[in-house]
Amino acid sequence: MGHREDISAFSNRFLSALERGDPNEVRAFYTSDALIWHNFDDVAQTVDENLKLLGWMSRKLPQRHYRIVRREILPDGWFQQHVLEATLPDGSPFRMLACCVVTMRDGLISRLDEYLDPAQAAPLKNL
């Protein structure tokens, strides 16, 4: 496999792990010093801090799917535009649009910059 194919396969495995919601499985995709930054609060979280959110989301929205709108492989990672789709406990649909820029080092994610509108997450506040 070439560089582009390797990163594409890695990004697919990463997305599948996020959908399964197992924090230990997801942690294995990151370097030990990786950071996850959000545009809405300008805060860079550690992997462990971010995995707490994944655990909460997995409990509240157990059936989640990331629908890829666009993915571009970069020399050191990838750019991705996606829609997080799920069903809320009351049966109504949930959608949150996001973009992320993923930077890799030594075959693992060293930084993930996530861009989203937190207003779209409002239905999750009361779960």
Protein backbone atom coordinates (compact mmCIF):
# COMPACT_ATOMS: atom_id res chain seq x y z
CA MET A 1 0.00 0.00 0.00
CA GLY A 2 1.08 3.56 -0.64
CA HIS A 3 1.10 6.51 1.72
CA ARG A 4 -2.36 7.77 0.70
CA GLU A 5 -3.89 4.31 0.94
CA ASP A 6 -2.30 3.72 4.37
CA ILE A 7 -3.73 6.97 5.76
CA SER A 8 -7.12 6.29 4.18
CA ALA A 9 -7.27 2.80 5.73
CA PHE A 10 -6.14 4.22 9.11
CA SER A 11 -8.82 6.93 8.99
CA ASN A 12 -11.50 4.32 8.23
CA ARG A 13 -10.36 2.16 11.18
CA PHE A 14 -10.34 5.23 13.43
CA LEU A 15 -13.87 6.19 12.44
CA SER A 16 -15.10 2.64 13.03
CA ALA A 17 -13.51 2.67 16.49
CA LEU A 18 -15.25 5.97 17.29
CA GLU A 19 -18.59 4.49 16.26
CA ARG A 20 -18.01 1.47 18.51
CA GLY A 21 -17.21 3.89 21.34
CA ASP A 22 -14.58 1.82 23.17
CA PRO A 23 -12.21 4.38 24.77
CA ASN A 24 -9.30 1.94 24.98
CA GLU A 25 -9.62 1.04 21.32
CA VAL A 26 -9.78 4.73 20.32
CA ARG A 27 -6.83 5.66 22.57
CA ALA A 28 -4.60 3.29 20.58
CA PHE A 29 -4.92 5.57 17.51
CA TYR A 30 -3.24 8.52 19.30
CA THR A 31 0.33 9.38 20.27
CA SER A 32 0.87 9.67 24.02
CA ASP A 33 1.06 13.48 23.78
CA ALA A 34 -1.77 14.03 21.28
CA LEU A 35 -4.13 16.98 21.62
CA ILE A 36 -7.72 17.47 20.47
CA TRP A 37 -8.60 21.13 19.86
CA HIS A 38 -12.13 22.58 19.45
CA ASN A 39 -12.97 25.78 17.57
CA PHE A 40 -15.93 26.65 19.81
CA ASP A 41 -13.91 26.98 23.03
CA ASP A 42 -10.31 27.27 21.74
CA VAL A 43 -9.27 24.55 24.19
CA ALA A 44 -6.86 21.71 23.43
CA GLN A 45 -7.74 18.58 25.38
CA THR A 46 -5.62 15.57 26.14
CA VAL A 47 -6.74 12.26 24.72
CA ASP A 48 -8.00 11.11 28.13
CA GLU A 49 -10.06 14.29 28.57
CA ASN A 50 -11.59 13.83 25.13
CA LEU A 51 -12.30 10.14 25.70
CA LYS A 52 -14.52 11.05 28.66
CA LEU A 53 -16.75 12.86 26.17
CA LEU A 54 -16.71 9.83 23.86
CA GLY A 55 -17.77 7.61 26.76
CA TRP A 56 -20.63 9.95 27.64
CA MET A 57 -21.75 10.17 24.01
CA SER A 58 -21.59 6.39 23.62
CA ARG A 59 -23.93 6.00 26.61
CA LYS A 60 -26.36 8.72 25.49
CA LEU A 61 -26.30 7.94 21.75
CA PRO A 62 -25.41 4.26 21.48
CA GLN A 63 -26.33 4.07 17.79
CA ARG A 64 -24.07 6.69 16.20
CA HIS A 65 -22.86 6.90 12.64
CA TYR A 66 -20.38 9.26 11.04
CA ARG A 67 -21.40 9.95 7.46
CA ILE A 68 -18.41 11.18 5.51
CA VAL A 69 -19.19 14.12 3.26
CA ARG A 70 -15.61 14.71 2.16
CA ARG A 71 -12.20 13.37 3.04
CA GLU A 72 -8.89 14.59 1.65
CA ILE A 73 -5.63 12.83 2.40
CA LEU A 74 -2.84 15.23 3.38
CA PRO A 75 0.91 14.60 3.50
CA ASP A 76 0.74 14.24 7.31
CA GLY A 77 -2.86 13.16 7.94
CA TRP A 78 -6.28 14.02 6.56
CA PHE A 79 -9.07 16.59 6.41
CA GLN A 80 -12.59 15.35 6.90
CA GLN A 81 -16.06 16.85 6.67
CA HIS A 82 -18.71 14.63 8.24
CA VAL A 83 -22.15 14.47 9.80
CA LEU A 84 -22.65 12.70 13.10
CA GLU A 85 -26.04 11.03 12.85
CA ALA A 86 -27.88 9.33 15.69
CA THR A 87 -31.31 8.77 17.19
CA LEU A 88 -32.15 10.56 20.43
CA PRO A 89 -33.79 8.57 23.25
CA ASP A 90 -37.18 10.09 22.33
CA GLY A 91 -36.81 8.69 18.80
CA SER A 92 -36.07 11.95 17.05
CA PRO A 93 -33.11 12.21 14.70
CA PHE A 94 -29.91 13.97 15.73
CA ARG A 95 -27.39 15.48 13.33
CA MET A 96 -24.23 17.47 13.94
CA LEU A 97 -22.04 18.72 11.11
CA ALA A 98 -18.31 18.91 11.70
CA CYS A 99 -14.94 19.22 10.04
CA CYS A 100 -11.66 18.00 11.41
CA VAL A 101 -8.04 18.26 10.45
CA VAL A 102 -6.02 15.29 11.63
CA THR A 103 -2.23 15.46 11.91
CA MET A 104 -0.22 12.26 12.24
CA ARG A 105 3.24 11.47 13.54
CA ASP A 106 4.90 8.05 13.47
CA GLY A 107 1.70 6.44 12.15
CA LEU A 108 -0.58 7.78 14.91
CA ILE A 109 -2.74 10.87 15.46
CA SER A 110 -0.75 13.63 17.17
CA ARG A 111 -3.36 16.38 16.83
CA LEU A 112 -7.02 16.60 15.87
CA ASP A 113 -8.54 20.03 15.24
CA GLU A 114 -12.34 19.84 15.32
CA TYR A 115 -14.66 22.50 13.93
CA LEU A 116 -18.35 22.35 14.80
CA ASP A 117 -21.28 24.50 15.87
CA PRO A 118 -22.06 23.71 19.52
CA ALA A 119 -25.65 24.93 19.02
CA GLN A 120 -26.26 21.75 17.06
CA ALA A 121 -25.42 19.78 20.22
CA ALA A 122 -28.19 21.52 22.22
CA PRO A 123 -30.52 18.45 22.13
CA LEU A 124 -27.84 16.51 24.03
CA LYS A 125 -27.81 18.84 27.05
CA ASN A 126 -30.85 17.24 28.69
CA LEU A 127 -29.85 13.60 28.15
